[in-house]
Protein backbone atom coordinates (compact mmCIF):
# COMPACT_ATOMS: atom_id res chain seq x y z
CA MET A 1 -10.01 -34.24 -28.49
CA GLU A 2 -8.82 -31.36 -27.06
CA LEU A 3 -8.78 -27.79 -26.52
CA LYS A 4 -5.86 -26.69 -28.05
CA ASP A 5 -7.12 -28.79 -31.06
CA LYS A 6 -10.16 -27.48 -30.73
CA LEU A 7 -9.51 -24.11 -30.80
CA VAL A 8 -7.23 -25.04 -33.45
CA SER A 9 -9.35 -26.34 -36.08
CA SER A 10 -12.52 -23.87 -34.84
CA PHE A 11 -10.55 -20.71 -36.11
CA PRO A 12 -11.16 -20.96 -39.93
CA ALA A 13 -15.18 -20.86 -39.47
CA HIS A 14 -14.40 -18.48 -37.00
CA GLU A 15 -12.83 -15.75 -39.45
CA GLY A 16 -14.53 -16.84 -42.39
CA GLY A 17 -16.32 -13.83 -42.62
CA THR A 18 -13.14 -11.88 -42.48
CA ASP A 19 -12.54 -9.36 -45.16
CA VAL A 20 -9.05 -11.16 -45.24
CA ARG A 21 -7.31 -7.85 -46.33
CA SER A 22 -8.01 -5.74 -43.04
CA PRO A 23 -4.77 -5.69 -40.31
CA LEU A 24 -7.87 -7.34 -38.00
CA HIS A 25 -7.43 -10.66 -39.81
CA ARG A 26 -4.43 -10.31 -39.85
CA ILE A 27 -3.68 -9.41 -36.57
CA ARG A 28 -5.62 -12.19 -35.34
CA THR A 29 -4.05 -15.01 -37.83
CA GLU A 30 -0.67 -13.97 -36.88
CA ALA A 31 -2.17 -14.61 -33.17
CA MET A 32 -3.63 -18.00 -34.37
CA LYS A 33 -0.57 -19.15 -34.64
CA GLN A 34 1.10 -18.46 -32.07
CA PHE A 35 -1.13 -19.98 -30.43
CA GLU A 36 -1.11 -22.75 -31.96
CA HIS A 37 2.86 -23.16 -31.28
CA LYS A 38 3.03 -21.21 -27.76
CA GLY A 39 0.15 -23.54 -26.79
CA PHE A 40 -1.57 -23.59 -23.50
CA PRO A 41 0.97 -22.70 -20.41
CA SER A 42 2.21 -25.49 -17.81
CA LYS A 43 3.79 -24.98 -14.40
CA ARG A 44 7.08 -25.94 -16.18
CA GLU A 45 6.92 -21.88 -17.16
CA GLU A 46 8.26 -19.60 -14.36
CA ALA A 47 5.20 -17.49 -14.80
CA TRP A 48 3.10 -20.25 -13.73
CA LYS A 49 4.84 -21.87 -11.61
CA TYR A 50 2.73 -22.39 -8.96
CA THR A 51 -1.07 -22.47 -11.20
CA SER A 52 -2.26 -25.33 -12.85
CA ILE A 53 -4.78 -24.85 -15.16
CA ASN A 54 -4.81 -28.44 -16.94
CA THR A 55 -7.96 -28.83 -15.09
CA LEU A 56 -9.71 -25.94 -16.81
CA LEU A 57 -9.64 -27.47 -20.20
CA LYS A 58 -10.67 -31.07 -19.68
CA PRO A 59 -14.69 -29.80 -19.97
CA ASP A 60 -16.15 -29.79 -23.65
CA TYR A 61 -16.71 -25.81 -24.08
CA SER A 62 -19.39 -24.60 -26.87
CA LEU A 63 -16.94 -21.89 -28.54
CA PHE A 64 -20.01 -20.29 -30.07
CA PRO A 65 -22.80 -20.15 -28.10
CA GLU A 66 -26.29 -19.20 -29.65
CA GLY A 67 -26.96 -17.63 -26.24
CA GLY A 68 -30.07 -18.30 -24.06
CA LYS A 69 -32.99 -16.77 -22.75
CA GLY A 70 -33.04 -12.79 -22.03
CA LEU A 71 -32.66 -12.39 -17.73
CA GLU A 72 -34.96 -9.09 -15.21
CA PHE A 73 -32.32 -6.84 -14.22
CA GLU A 74 -34.31 -8.06 -11.19
CA GLU A 75 -32.42 -11.73 -11.65
CA VAL A 76 -29.51 -10.08 -11.45
CA LYS A 77 -29.80 -6.46 -10.08
CA ARG A 78 -27.91 -7.46 -6.51
CA TYR A 79 -24.66 -8.84 -8.74
CA PHE A 80 -24.37 -4.64 -10.06
CA ILE A 81 -23.51 -1.46 -7.73
CA HIS A 82 -27.11 -1.49 -8.53
CA ASP A 83 -27.49 2.00 -5.67
CA ILE A 84 -25.59 4.26 -8.14
CA ASP A 85 -25.97 5.64 -11.72
CA SER A 86 -23.65 4.40 -14.47
CA TYR A 87 -23.16 3.05 -17.58
CA ARG A 88 -23.65 0.08 -17.80
CA ILE A 89 -23.31 -2.35 -20.45
CA ALA A 90 -24.49 -6.50 -20.15
CA PHE A 91 -23.44 -9.20 -21.70
CA VAL A 92 -25.00 -13.00 -21.32
CA ASP A 93 -23.33 -16.39 -22.37
CA GLY A 94 -20.82 -13.63 -24.42
CA ARG A 95 -22.76 -12.01 -26.74
CA TYR A 96 -25.03 -8.60 -25.92
CA ASP A 97 -27.71 -8.40 -23.59
CA GLU A 98 -29.79 -4.60 -24.23
CA GLY A 99 -32.12 -4.34 -21.96
CA LEU A 100 -29.70 -4.97 -18.75
CA SER A 101 -27.69 -2.34 -21.11
CA ALA A 102 -27.45 1.20 -20.98
CA MET A 103 -24.55 2.44 -22.90
CA ALA A 104 -23.35 6.15 -24.58
CA HIS A 105 -22.92 8.14 -27.56
CA GLU A 106 -22.01 12.05 -26.57
CA GLY A 107 -19.56 13.61 -25.67
CA PHE A 108 -17.90 9.95 -24.53
CA ASP A 109 -17.58 6.70 -25.84
CA ILE A 110 -19.49 3.28 -24.86
CA CYS A 111 -20.38 0.72 -27.05
CA LEU A 112 -19.50 -2.62 -27.92
CA MET A 113 -16.50 -4.13 -29.51
CA SER A 114 -18.36 -5.33 -32.51
CA THR A 115 -19.43 -2.04 -33.41
CA ALA A 116 -15.96 0.21 -32.80
CA LEU A 117 -14.81 -2.18 -35.03
CA GLU A 118 -17.39 -1.65 -38.04
CA LYS A 119 -18.45 1.81 -38.07
CA PRO A 120 -16.34 4.83 -39.33
CA GLY A 121 -14.81 7.21 -37.04
CA TYR A 122 -14.28 4.53 -34.48
CA ARG A 123 -12.74 2.16 -36.26
CA GLU A 124 -10.08 5.24 -36.63
CA VAL A 125 -9.22 4.70 -32.78
CA VAL A 126 -9.35 1.07 -32.79
CA GLU A 127 -6.75 1.12 -35.31
CA LYS A 128 -4.01 2.95 -33.76
CA TYR A 129 -4.47 1.57 -30.36
CA PHE A 130 -5.74 -1.78 -29.67
CA ASN A 131 -3.43 -5.01 -29.76
CA SER A 132 -0.58 -2.49 -29.78
CA THR A 133 0.60 -3.53 -26.30
CA VAL A 134 0.44 -6.94 -25.20
CA ASN A 135 2.34 -8.94 -24.93
CA THR A 136 1.48 -10.79 -28.26
CA GLU A 137 4.02 -13.48 -27.21
CA ASP A 138 2.02 -14.41 -24.17
CA SER A 139 -0.07 -17.29 -25.38
CA LEU A 140 -3.92 -16.29 -24.07
CA THR A 141 -3.47 -13.36 -24.98
CA SER A 142 -2.72 -14.46 -28.48
CA LEU A 143 -5.88 -16.84 -27.98
CA ASN A 144 -8.35 -14.41 -27.46
CA THR A 145 -6.94 -12.55 -29.82
CA ALA A 146 -7.67 -14.90 -32.38
CA PHE A 147 -11.49 -14.77 -31.06
CA LEU A 148 -12.00 -11.35 -30.34
CA ARG A 149 -15.88 -10.84 -31.00
CA GLU A 150 -17.52 -8.78 -28.93
CA GLY A 151 -16.71 -6.53 -25.86
CA VAL A 152 -16.54 -3.28 -24.56
CA PHE A 153 -14.80 0.30 -26.32
CA VAL A 154 -14.96 2.90 -23.66
CA HIS A 155 -13.75 6.45 -26.01
CA VAL A 156 -12.50 9.49 -23.61
CA PRO A 157 -11.65 12.23 -25.91
CA LYS A 158 -9.74 15.07 -25.19
CA GLY A 159 -10.38 16.97 -21.48
CA LYS A 160 -13.85 15.13 -20.91
CA VAL A 161 -15.01 13.26 -18.16
CA VAL A 162 -17.43 10.37 -18.33
CA ASP A 163 -19.50 11.68 -15.34
CA LYS A 164 -20.46 8.48 -14.12
CA PRO A 165 -18.70 4.98 -13.61
CA VAL A 166 -19.04 2.67 -15.78
CA GLN A 167 -20.02 -1.62 -15.24
CA ILE A 168 -19.05 -3.82 -17.09
CA LEU A 169 -20.99 -7.26 -16.56
CA HIS A 170 -20.75 -10.53 -17.97
CA PHE A 171 -23.12 -12.95 -16.90
CA SER A 172 -23.79 -17.51 -17.70
CA THR A 173 -26.41 -18.56 -17.48
CA GLY A 174 -26.12 -21.99 -18.14
CA SER A 175 -27.59 -23.13 -20.94
CA GLU A 176 -24.27 -25.03 -22.01
CA PRO A 177 -22.85 -27.84 -20.51
CA ALA A 178 -19.73 -26.08 -20.82
CA LEU A 179 -18.67 -23.26 -21.22
CA LEU A 180 -15.66 -20.24 -22.83
CA LEU A 181 -16.04 -17.00 -22.65
CA GLN A 182 -13.10 -14.49 -23.76
CA PRO A 183 -14.25 -10.72 -24.76
CA ARG A 184 -11.64 -7.56 -25.59
CA ASN A 185 -11.95 -4.27 -23.76
CA LEU A 186 -10.45 -1.63 -25.04
CA ILE A 187 -10.70 1.70 -23.08
CA VAL A 188 -8.85 4.63 -24.04
CA ALA A 189 -9.17 8.16 -22.08
CA GLY A 190 -7.18 11.24 -23.93
CA GLU A 191 -5.67 14.42 -22.76
CA ASN A 192 -7.21 15.49 -19.61
CA ALA A 193 -10.05 12.36 -19.41
CA GLN A 194 -11.52 10.60 -16.83
CA VAL A 195 -13.43 7.84 -16.24
CA GLN A 196 -14.39 5.54 -13.73
CA VAL A 197 -14.78 1.59 -15.02
CA ILE A 198 -16.52 -1.74 -12.45
CA GLU A 199 -16.25 -5.32 -13.72
CA ARG A 200 -17.35 -8.32 -13.30
CA HIS A 201 -17.69 -11.80 -14.41
CA GLN A 202 -20.79 -13.92 -13.25
CA SER A 203 -21.92 -17.31 -13.33
CA LEU A 204 -25.32 -17.89 -12.64
CA SER A 205 -24.96 -21.85 -12.21
CA ASP A 206 -23.17 -24.90 -11.29
CA HIS A 207 -21.82 -25.76 -15.38
CA PRO A 208 -18.65 -25.57 -16.11
CA VAL A 209 -17.25 -21.76 -17.46
CA LEU A 210 -13.86 -20.58 -18.18
CA THR A 211 -13.72 -16.51 -19.01
CA ASN A 212 -9.78 -15.81 -20.44
CA SER A 213 -10.12 -12.06 -20.39
CA VAL A 214 -8.15 -9.39 -22.03
CA THR A 215 -8.39 -5.42 -21.40
CA GLU A 216 -6.63 -2.18 -23.27
CA ILE A 217 -6.05 0.47 -21.04
CA PHE A 218 -4.90 3.91 -22.67
CA ALA A 219 -4.27 7.02 -20.35
CA GLY A 220 -3.25 10.20 -22.80
CA LYS A 221 -1.34 12.99 -20.34
CA ARG A 222 -3.12 13.91 -17.78
CA ALA A 223 -5.82 11.47 -17.83
CA MET A 224 -6.98 9.86 -14.54
CA VAL A 225 -8.54 6.09 -14.94
CA ASP A 226 -9.89 4.45 -12.07
CA TYR A 227 -10.80 1.12 -12.15
CA TYR A 228 -12.09 -1.69 -10.53
CA LYS A 229 -12.69 -5.47 -10.80
CA ILE A 230 -14.91 -7.62 -8.34
CA GLN A 231 -14.01 -11.54 -8.43
CA ASN A 232 -16.66 -13.22 -6.51
CA ASP A 233 -18.28 -15.97 -8.83
CA LYS A 234 -19.22 -19.61 -8.10
CA LEU A 235 -16.97 -22.35 -7.38
CA SER A 236 -17.47 -24.33 -11.17
CA ALA A 237 -15.78 -20.34 -12.46
CA SER A 238 -12.60 -19.65 -13.37
CA LEU A 239 -12.01 -16.70 -14.75
CA ILE A 240 -7.56 -15.98 -16.28
CA ASP A 241 -7.40 -11.89 -16.83
CA ASN A 242 -4.75 -10.05 -18.33
CA THR A 243 -4.91 -6.15 -18.57
CA TYR A 244 -2.38 -3.90 -20.42
CA ILE A 245 -2.36 -0.23 -19.79
CA SER A 246 -0.28 2.12 -20.99
CA GLN A 247 -0.41 5.39 -19.62
CA GLU A 248 1.24 9.56 -20.69
CA ARG A 249 2.85 11.78 -18.71
CA GLU A 250 0.77 12.87 -15.17
CA SER A 251 -1.53 10.09 -16.06
CA HIS A 252 -2.55 8.05 -13.29
CA VAL A 253 -3.67 5.11 -13.68
CA SER A 254 -5.23 3.44 -10.29
CA VAL A 255 -6.44 -0.91 -10.33
CA HIS A 256 -7.95 -2.74 -7.58
CA THR A 257 -9.23 -6.39 -7.38
CA PHE A 258 -10.59 -8.24 -5.50
CA SER A 259 -10.35 -11.56 -5.10
CA PHE A 260 -13.50 -13.53 -3.28
CA GLY A 261 -14.58 -16.24 -5.34
CA GLY A 262 -13.72 -18.52 -8.62
CA LYS A 263 -12.50 -21.98 -8.66
CA LEU A 264 -9.05 -20.68 -10.13
CA THR A 265 -8.68 -17.34 -10.66
CA ARG A 266 -5.07 -16.24 -12.92
CA ASN A 267 -5.09 -12.03 -13.05
CA ASN A 268 -1.37 -10.63 -14.63
CA LEU A 269 -1.80 -6.87 -14.31
CA ASN A 270 0.82 -4.74 -16.42
CA PHE A 271 1.24 -1.87 -16.60
CA TYR A 272 3.98 -0.09 -18.94
CA HIS A 273 4.39 3.75 -18.26
CA ARG A 274 5.31 5.85 -21.91
CA GLY A 275 5.90 9.47 -19.89
CA GLU A 276 6.89 11.39 -17.24
CA TYR A 277 5.30 12.37 -13.38
CA VAL A 278 3.23 8.63 -14.25
CA GLU A 279 0.96 7.40 -11.05
CA SER A 280 0.45 4.46 -11.26
CA THR A 281 -2.28 2.93 -7.68
CA LEU A 282 -2.20 -1.54 -8.35
CA LYS A 283 -4.25 -2.91 -5.09
CA GLY A 284 -6.20 -6.08 -4.05
CA VAL A 285 -7.81 -8.23 -0.80
CA THR A 286 -8.04 -11.38 -1.75
CA ILE A 287 -10.41 -13.53 0.89
CA LEU A 288 -10.33 -17.72 -0.21
CA GLU A 289 -11.67 -21.03 1.26
CA GLY A 290 -12.16 -24.63 0.58
CA GLN A 291 -9.69 -25.22 -2.66
CA GLN A 292 -10.06 -22.12 -4.60
CA HIS A 293 -6.98 -20.80 -6.20
CA VAL A 294 -6.12 -17.13 -6.80
CA ASP A 295 -2.57 -15.99 -8.79
CA HIS A 296 -1.98 -12.65 -9.08
CA HIS A 297 0.53 -11.19 -11.26
CA THR A 298 1.65 -7.30 -11.35
CA LEU A 299 4.38 -6.24 -13.89
CA VAL A 300 5.64 -2.31 -13.30
CA ASN A 301 7.40 -0.74 -16.58
CA HIS A 302 8.85 2.41 -14.96
CA ALA A 303 10.68 3.31 -18.45
CA ARG A 304 10.81 7.37 -17.77
CA PRO A 305 11.70 9.52 -14.78
CA ASP A 306 9.79 11.36 -11.58
CA CYS A 307 7.47 8.35 -12.39
CA GLU A 308 5.10 6.38 -8.92
CA SER A 309 3.83 3.20 -8.18
CA HIS A 310 2.17 2.03 -5.18
CA GLN A 311 1.70 -2.14 -4.10
CA ASP A 312 -0.13 -2.50 -2.03
CA TYR A 313 -1.90 -6.46 -1.53
CA LYS A 314 -4.08 -8.00 1.25
CA GLY A 315 -4.54 -12.51 1.45
CA ILE A 316 -6.36 -14.38 3.83
CA TYR A 317 -6.51 -17.73 3.26
CA GLY A 318 -8.20 -21.02 4.84
CA ASP A 319 -9.13 -24.63 4.55
CA ARG A 320 -7.02 -26.23 1.34
CA SER A 321 -7.25 -22.75 -0.89
CA THR A 322 -3.95 -21.39 -2.27
CA GLY A 323 -2.45 -17.90 -2.96
CA VAL A 324 -0.25 -17.17 -5.68
CA PHE A 325 1.25 -12.99 -5.79
CA ASN A 326 4.02 -12.94 -7.62
CA GLY A 327 4.60 -8.78 -8.57
CA LYS A 328 7.58 -7.38 -10.54
CA VAL A 329 8.45 -3.53 -10.74
CA ILE A 330 11.74 -2.94 -13.23
CA VAL A 331 13.58 0.53 -13.77
CA GLU A 332 14.93 1.29 -17.70
CA LYS A 333 18.37 2.92 -16.64
CA GLU A 334 16.48 6.16 -18.16
CA ALA A 335 13.78 5.83 -15.77
CA GLN A 336 15.64 8.37 -12.27
CA LYS A 337 14.14 9.88 -9.44
CA THR A 338 11.72 6.61 -9.62
CA ASN A 339 9.87 6.05 -6.54
CA ALA A 340 8.05 1.97 -6.67
CA PHE A 341 6.53 0.70 -3.45
CA GLN A 342 5.35 -3.05 -3.75
CA GLN A 343 4.13 -5.06 -0.02
CA ASN A 344 2.39 -8.38 0.00
CA ASN A 345 1.25 -9.62 3.11
CA ASN A 346 -0.68 -12.67 3.74
CA ILE A 347 -2.75 -14.35 6.15
CA LEU A 348 -3.22 -18.04 6.77
CA LEU A 349 -6.50 -19.42 8.83
CA ASP A 350 -5.16 -23.51 8.56
CA ASP A 351 -2.77 -25.30 8.12
CA LYS A 352 -3.50 -27.32 5.16
CA ALA A 353 -3.80 -22.78 3.52
CA THR A 354 -0.96 -22.09 1.03
CA VAL A 355 0.88 -18.97 -0.01
CA ASN A 356 3.26 -18.70 -2.87
CA THR A 357 4.88 -15.57 -2.96
CA LYS A 358 8.38 -14.05 -4.73
CA PRO A 359 8.02 -9.58 -5.28
CA GLN A 360 10.49 -8.68 -7.11
CA LEU A 361 12.89 -4.89 -8.12
CA GLU A 362 15.23 -5.48 -11.32
CA ILE A 363 16.52 -1.83 -11.07
CA PHE A 364 18.44 -0.20 -13.48
CA ALA A 365 18.54 3.37 -12.52
CA ASP A 366 21.40 4.76 -9.71
CA ASP A 367 18.84 7.62 -8.22
CA VAL A 368 15.52 5.99 -6.82
CA LYS A 369 14.09 5.43 -4.27
CA CYS A 370 12.83 1.43 -4.74
CA SER A 371 11.52 -0.77 -1.53
CA HIS A 372 9.25 -4.34 -1.84
CA GLY A 373 8.32 -6.62 1.14
CA CYS A 374 6.07 -9.76 2.06
CA THR A 375 4.70 -11.19 5.05
CA ILE A 376 3.36 -14.33 5.40
CA GLY A 377 1.78 -15.38 8.99
CA GLN A 378 -0.86 -16.09 11.72
CA LEU A 379 -3.36 -14.14 13.91
CA ASP A 380 -1.63 -12.00 16.39
CA ASP A 381 -2.28 -14.44 19.81
CA ASP A 382 -2.05 -11.28 22.34
CA ALA A 383 -4.35 -8.83 20.08
CA LEU A 384 -6.76 -11.70 19.91
CA PHE A 385 -6.88 -12.99 24.15
CA TYR A 386 -7.09 -9.06 24.43
CA LEU A 387 -10.20 -8.64 22.27
CA ARG A 388 -11.69 -11.52 23.83
CA SER A 389 -10.74 -10.55 27.41
CA ARG A 390 -12.29 -7.80 26.53
CA GLY A 391 -16.35 -9.61 25.99
CA ILE A 392 -15.69 -9.90 22.19
CA PRO A 393 -16.35 -13.88 21.26
CA ALA A 394 -13.56 -16.19 19.24
CA ARG A 395 -15.50 -15.77 15.93
CA GLU A 396 -16.26 -12.59 15.74
CA ALA A 397 -13.07 -11.12 17.88
CA LYS A 398 -10.57 -13.09 14.53
CA ALA A 399 -13.17 -11.92 11.81
CA LEU A 400 -12.56 -8.29 13.14
CA MET A 401 -8.61 -8.86 12.98
CA MET A 402 -8.91 -9.91 9.98
CA TYR A 403 -11.46 -7.28 8.75
CA ALA A 404 -8.41 -4.34 9.63
CA PHE A 405 -6.28 -5.88 8.30
CA ALA A 406 -7.72 -6.47 4.93
CA ASN A 407 -10.04 -2.78 4.94
CA ASN A 408 -7.08 -0.61 4.60
CA VAL A 409 -6.84 -1.16 1.14
CA LEU A 410 -10.61 0.51 0.82
CA GLU A 411 -9.04 3.58 1.20
CA SER A 412 -8.22 4.60 -1.98
CA VAL A 413 -11.08 3.11 -3.74
CA LYS A 414 -13.02 6.95 -4.34
CA ILE A 415 -16.56 5.27 -5.29
CA PRO A 416 -18.24 5.32 -1.90
CA GLU A 417 -20.89 3.03 -3.27
CA VAL A 418 -18.16 0.49 -3.94
CA GLN A 419 -15.47 0.96 -0.64
CA ALA A 420 -19.32 0.04 0.75
CA ARG A 421 -20.27 -3.16 -1.17
CA ILE A 422 -16.76 -4.35 -0.61
CA ASN A 423 -17.39 -3.99 3.15
CA LYS A 424 -20.64 -6.36 3.19
CA LEU A 425 -18.73 -8.93 0.93
CA ILE A 426 -15.47 -8.52 3.63
CA ALA A 427 -17.88 -9.33 5.80
CA ARG A 428 -19.53 -11.92 4.21
CA LYS A 429 -16.49 -14.19 3.66
CA LEU A 430 -15.95 -13.40 7.25
CA GLY A 431 -18.67 -14.87 7.90
CA VAL A 432 -19.80 -12.16 10.56
CA ARG A 433 -22.52 -9.39 10.39
CA MET A 434 -20.32 -6.38 11.46
CA GLY A 435 -23.17 -4.20 11.23
CA PHE A 436 -23.44 -4.62 7.32
CA ALA A 437 -26.09 -6.16 5.55
CA SER A 438 -25.66 -9.55 3.69
CA GLU A 439 -24.66 -8.79 -0.48
CA GLU A 440 -23.28 -10.57 -3.43
C-alpha cells in the first residue's frame, strides 16, 4: 500500500475518539480532505522543482508507534545544550519522556500540546491561535494538522520573560523498522513577552525516519522570540519542517537554522507582518557532504509600513550534495518604508556538488529599501596560497577559509552556549579541531 493510501485509511481510527462537535475535529477533518486531494508534493510543483521526496515515501512507516524503552539522560546528553540551565521537553519515538524533561507552569506555561488541547485555560489559547496562520493549501502542513497527536505548547503571557531557554528534542530509537513522526508546536508570546527556543530532531539508529513537523509562532506587541534549529541527523533520517510566524507591532523574531546532517531536509520558513515597526531575522548555515540534500524555502510578507527583515544564508557543499535556496520577500502596497535584505552565498567544494538558488522580491510599494543577491563559487586560490605561504597546511587553510565564510552568521546568536556548540559542529564538519573539542 502506498503511503498516501495508508494515511487516508488510517485517519478514521486516529480521529475516532475525538468529540465530533469540537472545533479541532472540524479542523482535522478539513485538513485530511485537503491532503487527500493534493497528496504529497512533486517536482511538477514550482516550489518543489529542485527537491524530490519520492524516495522518502517508499518505506512502510509505522504511524502510531507504541514506544520503546525510555532513554537515560547520559545516553543522549550530547544532543542537548547540556552546559546551560534550561527547560526541556523531550520525546522518544513520538511519545513524551518525563525523565528527560523539565517543564514549567509558574508565570508562563511550557507543556505538552495534548495537555493544552484538553485543559481549560490552555484550550482557549489553543483555539484562538491554532492553525490560524498556516498555509492550509500546503499538503504536508495539512497532513500534520490531520494527524495532530503531540508536540509542545508554550504560552508566555503579557510582560513575562522566560528566565532560561526552552529545549525541544525529538529522539527516534529504531524500535520500529521505519517511523513517521508528525510533531506540532504552538508558541504564543504575549505583549512585551520574551522566550528563547532550541529545537533538534535526532535519530539514534539507522532505521528510516521521516519527520513532518509544523510550528506556529505568535509574537505580540513588542514581544521577542529567539529560535534555533540544530539539524545534524543521521543519513537515514529526513526532516520536512514548516514554521509559520505571525508578528504584531514592534515585535522581533529571529530564526537561526543550522543544517549539517540528514538525508533530506526541507525548511519552509514563513514570516507574516501584522503590525508596524516589526523586525524579522532569518539566518542559516548549511554544510553538506555525500549525497545530502537541504532545501531552504523562506517567505517574508511585509504587509505593514516601517518594518525590517534580514536574511543571510551561507552554504558549503562537497561531494554530490545538493543545496536549494528559494527566498521570497513580498512588500505589499501599504508597506511603505520597508527595509528588506536578502543574501545567499555558497561555496562548491567538488564538481559534482549542486546549488540551485532563487532570491525573489515582489514589491508593490514605492518608498522602500530592498536588496537581494546570491553567489556561487569556489575557494579563492590567491587567499589559499597566501595562507599556505604562511606555513598553514592545505587542509587547515581550506578549513580556515570555510570557517570564516560561515562564521559571520553566528554573530547574531544570542545564547553563548549555542554559539559555542555550533562552532564545534562547524569545525567537526570541516574535519579540523581549530581549537574546538569534538561535539555532536
